[in-house]
Structures are given as structure tokens and as C-alpha cells.
Amino acid sequence: MIKKLSFILLASGLVLSACSSDKEDENKKDKNHKQEENMEHMDHKSDSKVPKGMKTTEDSKFKKDDKVTITEGHMPGMKNAKGTVKGAYKTYAYEVTYTPKDGGEKVKNHKWVVNEEVADAPKEGFKKGDTVKLEADHMKGMKGSEAKIDDVNKTTVYVVDYKSTEDDKMVKNHKWMTSDELKAR
């Protein structure tokens, strides 16, 4: 009798453990799906230029023409991509949440929009929680939309050309990357 009861308890524990593991896998898949949905707005414009008034800096971790590997995945095909730094600029970089002007889905925690891409930006930058109007046009529906600033970093930002890990296409002038999102190669 004790053996049967032990076996039943052990089997119940395995079933519960499997259910828990399935639920964790489901949560992981749901989180990844939400991240993929958030990236669907990413229609990169390779021809977009650096905003007027931005000045390059030589006081940066990476210099123009440095070969780098991208360690973050702002867009599909970006993480672990090989790239080349095209420019380095000192500015305020913002992580923002906005709804595209063209009526698309809300984009949460978009990295990065710089101070020079925000209407009426003060030289000393905005604060976390401020509501701003975006002038950035490097993503579809971004220009003219209202955004909430989720995070602020006074930092060096980089423009990077890279080869997509998804389709081997070259992405030119991706804006923006920060020093901690790149590593030398």
C-alpha cells in the first residue's frame, strides 16, 4: 500500500512539474511573440541622415570605420550582426513609447531617439516621463507622433552599417546604437 501511495505521489509530482514547465514555455513563447510584434513596425530607412546640429565626437569607445559586432536586437537580423561604425555623436538618447502617426500598434520602449530628433528639445535634454513630439523619421509612422520618454541616457550614440543575420542584406546608416550594444571585433 505504501509503495502504491508513493508511486501515485511521485507520478502526481511529475505531472505537476510537466504542467509547470509547459506553462513556463508558454510564457516564454508569449513574451517572444510580443517582442516580435513590437519589431514589426521596424521599417528601417537607410537613406535617413543624421539630424542637423549633431556633431561627431572623437571621445568615444568606438571610432568611425571600427569593425563591431552588435550585441542587441532592436530589429530582426540585428543581434550578433557584423557591422562598421559610420559615426559617433554625444547627445541625450531616449527610450520612448509611441503610437505611430499612421495608426499602427503602440510601440513600447523603442531604442533610441536622440535629443536632436525631438521637437523643441532643450540643450540639457528631457526627463523620464516627459511627453514629446518626435521628429525622427527612421521608422515608419514615427515622425510627428507623440511619445512618452521611458528612459534617458546622456551618452555617445553610433550610426552603424551592418549585414543582417536574417537575410544577409546590408542595412545602411542604422540609428542609433550605444557603446554597451556594440563590441569590437
N, C-alpha and C. Protein backbone atom coordinates (compact mmCIF):
# COMPACT_ATOMS: atom_id res chain seq x y z
N MET A 1 0.82 -1.19 0.00
CA MET A 1 0.00 0.00 0.00
C MET A 1 0.86 1.26 0.00
N ILE A 2 1.89 1.26 0.82
CA ILE A 2 2.79 2.41 0.91
C ILE A 2 3.50 2.62 -0.42
N LYS A 3 3.90 1.50 -1.06
CA LYS A 3 4.56 1.61 -2.35
C LYS A 3 3.64 2.24 -3.38
N LYS A 4 2.36 1.82 -3.40
CA LYS A 4 1.39 2.37 -4.33
C LYS A 4 1.19 3.87 -4.09
N LEU A 5 1.05 4.23 -2.81
CA LEU A 5 0.86 5.64 -2.46
C LEU A 5 2.07 6.47 -2.85
N SER A 6 3.27 5.97 -2.63
CA SER A 6 4.50 6.66 -3.02
C SER A 6 4.56 6.84 -4.53
N PHE A 7 4.18 5.78 -5.25
CA PHE A 7 4.18 5.85 -6.72
C PHE A 7 3.18 6.90 -7.21
N ILE A 8 2.00 6.94 -6.62
CA ILE A 8 0.97 7.91 -7.01
C ILE A 8 1.46 9.32 -6.74
N LEU A 9 2.05 9.56 -5.60
CA LEU A 9 2.59 10.89 -5.27
C LEU A 9 3.71 11.29 -6.22
N LEU A 10 4.58 10.37 -6.52
CA LEU A 10 5.68 10.63 -7.44
C LEU A 10 5.14 10.96 -8.82
N ALA A 11 4.19 10.20 -9.32
CA ALA A 11 3.59 10.44 -10.63
C ALA A 11 2.87 11.78 -10.65
N SER A 12 2.16 12.13 -9.57
CA SER A 12 1.46 13.42 -9.49
C SER A 12 2.47 14.56 -9.55
N GLY A 13 3.57 14.38 -8.84
CA GLY A 13 4.61 15.41 -8.84
C GLY A 13 5.19 15.63 -10.23
N LEU A 14 5.39 14.55 -10.98
CA LEU A 14 5.92 14.66 -12.34
C LEU A 14 4.94 15.37 -13.26
N VAL A 15 3.66 15.04 -13.10
CA VAL A 15 2.63 15.68 -13.92
C VAL A 15 2.59 17.18 -13.61
N LEU A 16 2.61 17.53 -12.34
CA LEU A 16 2.59 18.95 -11.96
C LEU A 16 3.84 19.66 -12.46
N SER A 17 4.97 18.98 -12.35
CA SER A 17 6.22 19.56 -12.84
C SER A 17 6.15 19.80 -14.35
N ALA A 18 5.60 18.83 -15.09
CA ALA A 18 5.48 18.97 -16.54
C ALA A 18 4.54 20.12 -16.88
N CYS A 19 3.44 20.26 -16.12
CA CYS A 19 2.50 21.36 -16.36
C CYS A 19 3.19 22.70 -16.12
N SER A 20 3.97 22.76 -15.05
CA SER A 20 4.68 24.00 -14.74
C SER A 20 5.66 24.33 -15.86
N SER A 21 6.38 23.33 -16.33
CA SER A 21 7.34 23.54 -17.42
C SER A 21 6.64 24.00 -18.69
N ASP A 22 5.47 23.37 -19.00
CA ASP A 22 4.69 23.78 -20.16
C ASP A 22 4.26 25.23 -20.04
N LYS A 23 3.81 25.62 -18.83
CA LYS A 23 3.36 26.99 -18.60
C LYS A 23 4.54 27.97 -18.78
N GLU A 24 5.73 27.62 -18.28
CA GLU A 24 6.91 28.46 -18.45
C GLU A 24 7.24 28.61 -19.94
N ASP A 25 7.19 27.48 -20.68
CA ASP A 25 7.46 27.54 -22.12
C ASP A 25 6.44 28.43 -22.82
N GLU A 26 5.17 28.31 -22.40
CA GLU A 26 4.10 29.12 -22.99
C GLU A 26 4.34 30.61 -22.71
N ASN A 27 4.74 30.93 -21.47
CA ASN A 27 5.03 32.32 -21.10
C ASN A 27 6.20 32.86 -21.91
N LYS A 28 7.24 32.02 -22.10
CA LYS A 28 8.40 32.42 -22.89
C LYS A 28 8.00 32.70 -24.34
N LYS A 29 7.19 31.79 -24.91
CA LYS A 29 6.73 31.96 -26.29
C LYS A 29 5.90 33.23 -26.42
N ASP A 30 5.03 33.50 -25.43
CA ASP A 30 4.18 34.69 -25.44
C ASP A 30 5.04 35.95 -25.39
N LYS A 31 6.07 35.95 -24.53
CA LYS A 31 6.97 37.10 -24.42
C LYS A 31 7.71 37.31 -25.74
N ASN A 32 8.23 36.23 -26.34
CA ASN A 32 8.94 36.35 -27.62
C ASN A 32 8.01 36.84 -28.71
N HIS A 33 6.75 36.37 -28.71
CA HIS A 33 5.78 36.80 -29.72
C HIS A 33 5.51 38.30 -29.58
N LYS A 34 5.38 38.78 -28.33
CA LYS A 34 5.15 40.21 -28.09
C LYS A 34 6.34 41.03 -28.57
N GLN A 35 7.56 40.54 -28.34
CA GLN A 35 8.76 41.24 -28.82
C GLN A 35 8.77 41.28 -30.34
N GLU A 36 8.41 40.17 -30.99
CA GLU A 36 8.36 40.14 -32.46
C GLU A 36 7.31 41.11 -32.99
N GLU A 37 6.14 41.15 -32.33
CA GLU A 37 5.09 42.09 -32.75
C GLU A 37 5.59 43.51 -32.63
N ASN A 38 6.32 43.81 -31.55
CA ASN A 38 6.85 45.16 -31.33
C ASN A 38 7.87 45.52 -32.40
N MET A 39 8.54 44.52 -32.99
CA MET A 39 9.54 44.79 -34.02
C MET A 39 8.93 44.94 -35.41
N GLU A 40 7.65 44.57 -35.57
CA GLU A 40 7.03 44.64 -36.88
C GLU A 40 6.99 46.05 -37.44
N HIS A 41 7.01 47.07 -36.57
CA HIS A 41 6.99 48.46 -37.03
C HIS A 41 8.33 48.87 -37.63
N MET A 42 9.33 48.04 -37.44
CA MET A 42 10.68 48.38 -37.85
C MET A 42 10.84 48.32 -39.36
N ASP A 43 10.64 49.42 -40.01
CA ASP A 43 10.83 49.55 -41.44
C ASP A 43 11.94 50.56 -41.63
N HIS A 44 13.16 50.10 -41.49
CA HIS A 44 14.33 50.99 -41.46
C HIS A 44 14.51 51.75 -42.76
N LYS A 45 14.79 53.05 -42.63
CA LYS A 45 15.06 53.90 -43.79
C LYS A 45 16.57 54.10 -43.87
N SER A 46 17.21 53.44 -44.81
CA SER A 46 18.66 53.53 -44.95
C SER A 46 19.13 54.90 -45.41
N ASP A 47 18.26 55.63 -46.08
CA ASP A 47 18.68 56.92 -46.63
C ASP A 47 18.57 58.06 -45.63
N SER A 48 18.02 57.80 -44.43
CA SER A 48 17.85 58.88 -43.48
C SER A 48 19.21 59.39 -43.00
N LYS A 49 19.28 60.69 -42.81
CA LYS A 49 20.53 61.34 -42.44
C LYS A 49 20.55 61.68 -40.96
N VAL A 50 21.74 61.97 -40.47
CA VAL A 50 21.91 62.42 -39.09
C VAL A 50 21.26 63.80 -38.98
N PRO A 51 20.52 64.06 -37.90
CA PRO A 51 19.87 65.37 -37.74
C PRO A 51 20.86 66.53 -37.75
N LYS A 52 20.38 67.66 -38.24
CA LYS A 52 21.21 68.87 -38.25
C LYS A 52 21.59 69.23 -36.82
N GLY A 53 22.79 69.76 -36.69
CA GLY A 53 23.26 70.20 -35.38
C GLY A 53 24.01 69.15 -34.60
N MET A 54 23.97 67.90 -35.03
CA MET A 54 24.74 66.87 -34.32
C MET A 54 26.20 66.95 -34.73
N LYS A 55 27.06 66.89 -33.76
CA LYS A 55 28.49 66.96 -34.02
C LYS A 55 29.15 65.64 -33.65
N THR A 56 30.04 65.20 -34.52
CA THR A 56 30.76 63.96 -34.23
C THR A 56 31.69 64.18 -33.04
N THR A 57 32.04 63.08 -32.39
CA THR A 57 32.96 63.14 -31.27
C THR A 57 34.09 62.13 -31.48
N GLU A 58 35.27 62.50 -31.08
CA GLU A 58 36.40 61.57 -31.10
C GLU A 58 36.58 60.94 -29.72
N ASP A 59 35.87 61.49 -28.73
CA ASP A 59 35.93 60.99 -27.37
C ASP A 59 34.88 59.89 -27.19
N SER A 60 35.11 58.77 -27.86
CA SER A 60 34.14 57.68 -27.83
C SER A 60 34.85 56.34 -27.80
N LYS A 61 34.17 55.32 -27.34
CA LYS A 61 34.73 53.98 -27.27
C LYS A 61 35.04 53.45 -28.66
N PHE A 62 34.13 53.72 -29.61
CA PHE A 62 34.32 53.26 -30.98
C PHE A 62 34.49 54.47 -31.89
N LYS A 63 35.34 54.33 -32.89
CA LYS A 63 35.63 55.41 -33.84
C LYS A 63 35.05 55.04 -35.21
N LYS A 64 34.95 56.05 -36.07
CA LYS A 64 34.48 55.83 -37.43
C LYS A 64 35.33 54.75 -38.08
N ASP A 65 34.68 53.84 -38.79
CA ASP A 65 35.28 52.71 -39.51
C ASP A 65 35.70 51.54 -38.62
N ASP A 66 35.47 51.63 -37.30
CA ASP A 66 35.74 50.48 -36.44
C ASP A 66 34.80 49.33 -36.82
N LYS A 67 35.33 48.11 -36.79
CA LYS A 67 34.54 46.90 -37.05
C LYS A 67 33.96 46.44 -35.71
N VAL A 68 32.64 46.18 -35.71
CA VAL A 68 31.96 45.82 -34.47
C VAL A 68 31.01 44.64 -34.69
N THR A 69 30.61 44.04 -33.59
CA THR A 69 29.52 43.06 -33.57
C THR A 69 28.43 43.69 -32.71
N ILE A 70 27.18 43.66 -33.20
CA ILE A 70 26.06 44.24 -32.48
C ILE A 70 25.55 43.20 -31.47
N THR A 71 25.43 43.62 -30.21
CA THR A 71 25.02 42.69 -29.15
C THR A 71 23.55 42.81 -28.77
N GLU A 72 22.83 43.77 -29.35
CA GLU A 72 21.41 43.96 -29.06
C GLU A 72 20.60 43.75 -30.33
N GLY A 73 19.33 43.42 -30.16
CA GLY A 73 18.46 43.15 -31.30
C GLY A 73 17.31 44.12 -31.40
N HIS A 74 17.58 45.39 -31.68
CA HIS A 74 16.49 46.37 -31.85
C HIS A 74 15.57 45.98 -33.00
N MET A 75 16.14 45.33 -34.00
CA MET A 75 15.39 44.93 -35.19
C MET A 75 15.71 43.48 -35.51
N PRO A 76 14.83 42.81 -36.24
CA PRO A 76 15.14 41.44 -36.66
C PRO A 76 16.43 41.42 -37.50
N GLY A 77 17.27 40.44 -37.24
CA GLY A 77 18.51 40.30 -38.00
C GLY A 77 19.66 41.16 -37.51
N MET A 78 19.45 41.85 -36.39
CA MET A 78 20.48 42.75 -35.88
C MET A 78 21.41 42.09 -34.86
N LYS A 79 20.85 41.34 -33.92
CA LYS A 79 21.68 40.76 -32.85
C LYS A 79 22.73 39.82 -33.45
N ASN A 80 23.98 40.03 -33.03
CA ASN A 80 25.16 39.28 -33.48
C ASN A 80 25.59 39.60 -34.91
N ALA A 81 25.01 40.63 -35.49
CA ALA A 81 25.40 41.04 -36.84
C ALA A 81 26.75 41.73 -36.81
N LYS A 82 27.50 41.57 -37.89
CA LYS A 82 28.79 42.24 -38.05
C LYS A 82 28.54 43.59 -38.70
N GLY A 83 29.20 44.62 -38.18
CA GLY A 83 28.96 45.96 -38.70
C GLY A 83 30.19 46.85 -38.69
N THR A 84 29.98 48.06 -39.19
CA THR A 84 31.03 49.08 -39.24
C THR A 84 30.45 50.39 -38.72
N VAL A 85 31.17 51.03 -37.80
CA VAL A 85 30.74 52.31 -37.27
C VAL A 85 30.91 53.38 -38.34
N LYS A 86 29.84 54.16 -38.58
CA LYS A 86 29.87 55.22 -39.58
C LYS A 86 30.02 56.60 -38.94
N GLY A 87 29.70 56.71 -37.65
CA GLY A 87 29.83 57.98 -36.94
C GLY A 87 29.51 57.82 -35.47
N ALA A 88 30.07 58.72 -34.64
CA ALA A 88 29.84 58.72 -33.19
C ALA A 88 29.46 60.13 -32.77
N TYR A 89 28.43 60.27 -31.93
CA TYR A 89 27.88 61.57 -31.55
C TYR A 89 27.53 61.59 -30.07
N LYS A 90 27.85 62.69 -29.39
CA LYS A 90 27.47 62.88 -27.98
C LYS A 90 26.11 63.54 -27.96
N THR A 91 25.19 62.99 -27.16
CA THR A 91 23.83 63.53 -27.11
C THR A 91 23.07 62.89 -25.95
N TYR A 92 21.80 63.22 -25.87
CA TYR A 92 20.87 62.52 -24.99
C TYR A 92 20.14 61.50 -25.85
N ALA A 93 20.13 60.25 -25.41
CA ALA A 93 19.42 59.18 -26.11
C ALA A 93 18.22 58.79 -25.27
N TYR A 94 17.07 58.66 -25.93
CA TYR A 94 15.83 58.36 -25.24
C TYR A 94 15.27 57.01 -25.67
N GLU A 95 14.75 56.29 -24.68
CA GLU A 95 13.92 55.12 -24.94
C GLU A 95 12.50 55.65 -24.84
N VAL A 96 11.69 55.42 -25.87
CA VAL A 96 10.36 56.03 -25.92
C VAL A 96 9.26 55.01 -26.23
N THR A 97 8.05 55.35 -25.81
CA THR A 97 6.85 54.61 -26.19
C THR A 97 5.99 55.58 -26.99
N TYR A 98 5.55 55.13 -28.17
CA TYR A 98 4.74 56.00 -29.03
C TYR A 98 3.77 55.17 -29.87
N THR A 99 2.74 55.83 -30.35
CA THR A 99 1.82 55.21 -31.30
C THR A 99 2.13 55.83 -32.66
N PRO A 100 2.46 55.02 -33.66
CA PRO A 100 2.81 55.56 -34.98
C PRO A 100 1.71 56.47 -35.53
N LYS A 101 2.14 57.53 -36.17
CA LYS A 101 1.24 58.53 -36.74
C LYS A 101 0.30 57.91 -37.77
N ASP A 102 0.72 56.83 -38.41
CA ASP A 102 -0.11 56.18 -39.43
C ASP A 102 -1.15 55.23 -38.84
N GLY A 103 -1.26 55.22 -37.50
CA GLY A 103 -2.30 54.43 -36.85
C GLY A 103 -1.91 53.00 -36.51
N GLY A 104 -0.64 52.67 -36.60
CA GLY A 104 -0.20 51.32 -36.26
C GLY A 104 -0.27 51.05 -34.76
N GLU A 105 0.14 49.84 -34.38
CA GLU A 105 0.15 49.43 -32.98
C GLU A 105 1.13 50.27 -32.18
N LYS A 106 0.83 50.48 -30.90
CA LYS A 106 1.71 51.22 -29.99
C LYS A 106 3.06 50.51 -29.92
N VAL A 107 4.12 51.28 -29.99
CA VAL A 107 5.48 50.75 -29.90
C VAL A 107 6.01 51.10 -28.51
N LYS A 108 6.36 50.07 -27.74
CA LYS A 108 6.84 50.29 -26.37
C LYS A 108 8.35 50.17 -26.30
N ASN A 109 8.95 51.06 -25.52
CA ASN A 109 10.38 51.01 -25.21
C ASN A 109 11.27 50.97 -26.44
N HIS A 110 10.97 51.82 -27.43
CA HIS A 110 11.79 51.89 -28.64
C HIS A 110 13.14 52.53 -28.30
N LYS A 111 14.21 51.87 -28.70
CA LYS A 111 15.56 52.40 -28.55
C LYS A 111 16.09 52.73 -29.92
N TRP A 112 16.62 53.81 -30.21
CA TRP A 112 16.80 55.04 -29.50
C TRP A 112 16.31 56.19 -30.36
N VAL A 113 15.89 57.27 -29.72
CA VAL A 113 15.63 58.54 -30.37
C VAL A 113 16.56 59.53 -29.67
N VAL A 114 17.24 60.38 -30.42
CA VAL A 114 18.18 61.32 -29.81
C VAL A 114 17.53 62.69 -29.64
N ASN A 115 18.14 63.50 -28.79
CA ASN A 115 17.62 64.83 -28.46
C ASN A 115 17.34 65.66 -29.71
N GLU A 116 18.19 65.54 -30.70
CA GLU A 116 18.06 66.33 -31.93
C GLU A 116 16.90 65.85 -32.82
N GLU A 117 16.26 64.76 -32.46
CA GLU A 117 15.12 64.23 -33.22
C GLU A 117 13.79 64.48 -32.51
N VAL A 118 13.81 65.37 -31.52
CA VAL A 118 12.61 65.70 -30.75
C VAL A 118 12.33 67.19 -30.91
N ALA A 119 11.06 67.53 -31.15
CA ALA A 119 10.66 68.93 -31.32
C ALA A 119 10.94 69.72 -30.04
N ASP A 120 11.45 70.94 -30.22
CA ASP A 120 11.68 71.88 -29.11
C ASP A 120 12.52 71.28 -27.99
N ALA A 121 13.53 70.52 -28.36
CA ALA A 121 14.38 69.86 -27.36
C ALA A 121 15.32 70.85 -26.68
N PRO A 122 15.35 70.85 -25.35
CA PRO A 122 16.31 71.70 -24.64
C PRO A 122 17.72 71.13 -24.74
N LYS A 123 18.72 71.97 -24.70
CA LYS A 123 20.11 71.50 -24.78
C LYS A 123 20.45 70.52 -23.68
N GLU A 124 19.84 70.70 -22.51
CA GLU A 124 20.13 69.81 -21.39
C GLU A 124 19.24 68.58 -21.35
N GLY A 125 18.49 68.35 -22.41
CA GLY A 125 17.70 67.13 -22.56
C GLY A 125 16.39 67.11 -21.78
N PHE A 126 15.57 66.11 -22.10
CA PHE A 126 14.30 65.91 -21.41
C PHE A 126 14.50 64.98 -20.22
N LYS A 127 13.44 64.81 -19.44
CA LYS A 127 13.47 63.92 -18.28
C LYS A 127 12.55 62.72 -18.52
N LYS A 128 12.84 61.65 -17.82
CA LYS A 128 12.00 60.45 -17.85
C LYS A 128 10.57 60.85 -17.50
N GLY A 129 9.60 60.37 -18.29
CA GLY A 129 8.20 60.67 -18.04
C GLY A 129 7.67 61.83 -18.87
N ASP A 130 8.56 62.64 -19.46
CA ASP A 130 8.12 63.76 -20.30
C ASP A 130 7.40 63.24 -21.54
N THR A 131 6.44 64.03 -22.02
CA THR A 131 5.75 63.74 -23.27
C THR A 131 6.32 64.68 -24.33
N VAL A 132 6.69 64.11 -25.48
CA VAL A 132 7.37 64.89 -26.52
C VAL A 132 6.77 64.58 -27.89
N LYS A 133 7.12 65.41 -28.87
CA LYS A 133 6.72 65.17 -30.25
C LYS A 133 7.98 64.75 -31.01
N LEU A 134 7.91 63.59 -31.67
CA LEU A 134 9.07 63.05 -32.38
C LEU A 134 9.21 63.67 -33.76
N GLU A 135 10.44 64.02 -34.11
CA GLU A 135 10.77 64.45 -35.46
C GLU A 135 11.58 63.38 -36.18
N ALA A 136 11.95 62.34 -35.44
CA ALA A 136 12.70 61.22 -36.01
C ALA A 136 11.87 60.57 -37.10
N ASP A 137 12.54 60.19 -38.19
CA ASP A 137 11.82 59.52 -39.28
C ASP A 137 12.49 58.22 -39.69
N HIS A 138 13.29 57.64 -38.79
CA HIS A 138 14.00 56.42 -39.19
C HIS A 138 13.15 55.17 -39.07
N MET A 139 11.91 55.28 -38.57
CA MET A 139 10.98 54.16 -38.53
C MET A 139 9.63 54.63 -39.05
N LYS A 140 8.89 53.71 -39.64
CA LYS A 140 7.59 54.00 -40.23
C LYS A 140 6.63 54.58 -39.18
N GLY A 141 5.99 55.71 -39.50
CA GLY A 141 4.98 56.31 -38.64
C GLY A 141 5.51 57.05 -37.43
N MET A 142 6.82 57.15 -37.31
CA MET A 142 7.41 57.77 -36.14
C MET A 142 7.31 59.30 -36.18
N LYS A 143 7.64 59.89 -37.32
CA LYS A 143 7.69 61.35 -37.43
C LYS A 143 6.32 61.96 -37.15
N GLY A 144 6.31 62.93 -36.22
CA GLY A 144 5.08 63.64 -35.88
C GLY A 144 4.27 62.99 -34.78
N SER A 145 4.69 61.81 -34.32
CA SER A 145 3.92 61.14 -33.27
C SER A 145 4.30 61.67 -31.89
N GLU A 146 3.36 61.53 -30.97
CA GLU A 146 3.61 61.92 -29.59
C GLU A 146 4.21 60.71 -28.86
N ALA A 147 5.20 60.97 -28.01
CA ALA A 147 5.87 59.88 -27.30
C ALA A 147 6.08 60.22 -25.84
N LYS A 148 6.14 59.17 -25.03
CA LYS A 148 6.49 59.31 -23.62
C LYS A 148 7.92 58.81 -23.47
N ILE A 149 8.73 59.56 -22.76
CA ILE A 149 10.12 59.16 -22.55
C ILE A 149 10.17 58.16 -21.39
N ASP A 150 10.62 56.94 -21.72
CA ASP A 150 10.71 55.86 -20.74
C ASP A 150 12.05 55.86 -20.00
N ASP A 151 13.10 56.33 -20.70
CA ASP A 151 14.44 56.36 -20.09
C ASP A 151 15.29 57.39 -20.82
N VAL A 152 16.27 57.95 -20.10
CA VAL A 152 17.15 58.98 -20.65
C VAL A 152 18.59 58.59 -20.37
N ASN A 153 19.44 58.71 -21.39
CA ASN A 153 20.88 58.45 -21.22
C ASN A 153 21.67 59.56 -21.90
N LYS A 154 22.53 60.24 -21.14
CA LYS A 154 23.46 61.18 -21.75
C LYS A 154 24.66 60.32 -22.14
N THR A 155 24.88 60.16 -23.46
CA THR A 155 25.81 59.13 -23.91
C THR A 155 26.34 59.44 -25.30
N THR A 156 27.16 58.54 -25.79
CA THR A 156 27.59 58.56 -27.19
C THR A 156 26.70 57.58 -27.94
N VAL A 157 26.19 58.03 -29.08
CA VAL A 157 25.40 57.14 -29.95
C VAL A 157 26.16 56.95 -31.25
N TYR A 158 25.89 55.84 -31.91
CA TYR A 158 26.61 55.48 -33.13
C TYR A 158 25.64 55.21 -34.27
N VAL A 159 26.08 55.56 -35.46
CA VAL A 159 25.41 55.15 -36.70
C VAL A 159 26.23 53.96 -37.19
N VAL A 160 25.55 52.86 -37.54
CA VAL A 160 26.24 51.63 -37.90
C VAL A 160 25.66 51.04 -39.18
N ASP A 161 26.54 50.61 -40.08
CA ASP A 161 26.15 49.77 -41.22
C ASP A 161 26.37 48.34 -40.77
N TYR A 162 25.43 47.44 -41.07
CA TYR A 162 25.62 46.04 -40.69
C TYR A 162 24.96 45.11 -41.69
N LYS A 163 25.41 43.86 -41.66
CA LYS A 163 24.85 42.83 -42.52
C LYS A 163 23.86 42.01 -41.69
N SER A 164 22.59 41.99 -42.11
CA SER A 164 21.54 41.30 -41.38
C SER A 164 21.85 39.81 -41.24
N THR A 165 21.61 39.28 -40.06
CA THR A 165 21.79 37.84 -39.83
C THR A 165 20.60 37.05 -40.36
N GLU A 166 19.50 37.74 -40.72
CA GLU A 166 18.31 37.06 -41.24
C GLU A 166 18.40 36.79 -42.74
N ASP A 167 18.83 37.81 -43.50
CA ASP A 167 18.78 37.67 -44.96
C ASP A 167 20.07 38.12 -45.66
N ASP A 168 21.12 38.38 -44.89
CA ASP A 168 22.43 38.80 -45.41
C ASP A 168 22.40 40.12 -46.17
N LYS A 169 21.31 40.89 -46.05
CA LYS A 169 21.26 42.20 -46.71
C LYS A 169 22.00 43.22 -45.85
N MET A 170 22.60 44.20 -46.51
CA MET A 170 23.27 45.29 -45.81
C MET A 170 22.24 46.32 -45.38
N VAL A 171 22.31 46.71 -44.12
CA VAL A 171 21.49 47.79 -43.59
C VAL A 171 22.43 48.97 -43.42
N LYS A 172 22.12 50.06 -44.08
CA LYS A 172 23.00 51.24 -44.06
C LYS A 172 22.46 52.28 -43.08
N ASN A 173 23.37 52.91 -42.38
CA ASN A 173 23.07 54.05 -41.50
C ASN A 173 22.02 53.77 -40.44
N HIS A 174 22.12 52.62 -39.77
CA HIS A 174 21.17 52.35 -38.69
C HIS A 174 21.43 53.32 -37.55
N LYS A 175 20.37 53.98 -37.12
CA LYS A 175 20.44 54.89 -35.99
C LYS A 175 19.56 54.32 -34.88
N TRP A 176 19.96 54.19 -33.77
CA TRP A 176 21.17 54.50 -33.08
C TRP A 176 21.60 53.29 -32.28
N MET A 177 22.89 53.19 -32.00
CA MET A 177 23.41 52.16 -31.10
C MET A 177 24.19 52.89 -30.01
N THR A 178 24.29 52.29 -28.83
CA THR A 178 25.12 52.84 -27.75
C THR A 178 26.33 51.94 -27.55
N SER A 179 27.31 52.44 -26.82
CA SER A 179 28.57 51.70 -26.61
C SER A 179 28.35 50.32 -26.03
N ASP A 180 27.40 50.19 -25.10
CA ASP A 180 27.16 48.89 -24.47
C ASP A 180 26.38 47.93 -25.36
N GLU A 181 26.00 48.36 -26.56
CA GLU A 181 25.30 47.48 -27.51
C GLU A 181 26.21 47.02 -28.64
N LEU A 182 27.48 47.37 -28.52
CA LEU A 182 28.47 47.00 -29.53
C LEU A 182 29.68 46.39 -28.87
N LYS A 183 30.36 45.50 -29.59
CA LYS A 183 31.66 45.02 -29.11
C LYS A 183 32.62 45.00 -30.28
N ALA A 184 33.88 45.27 -29.98
CA ALA A 184 34.91 45.31 -31.03
C ALA A 184 35.13 43.91 -31.57
N ARG A 185 35.50 43.86 -32.86
CA ARG A 185 35.87 42.56 -33.44
C ARG A 185 37.13 42.70 -34.27
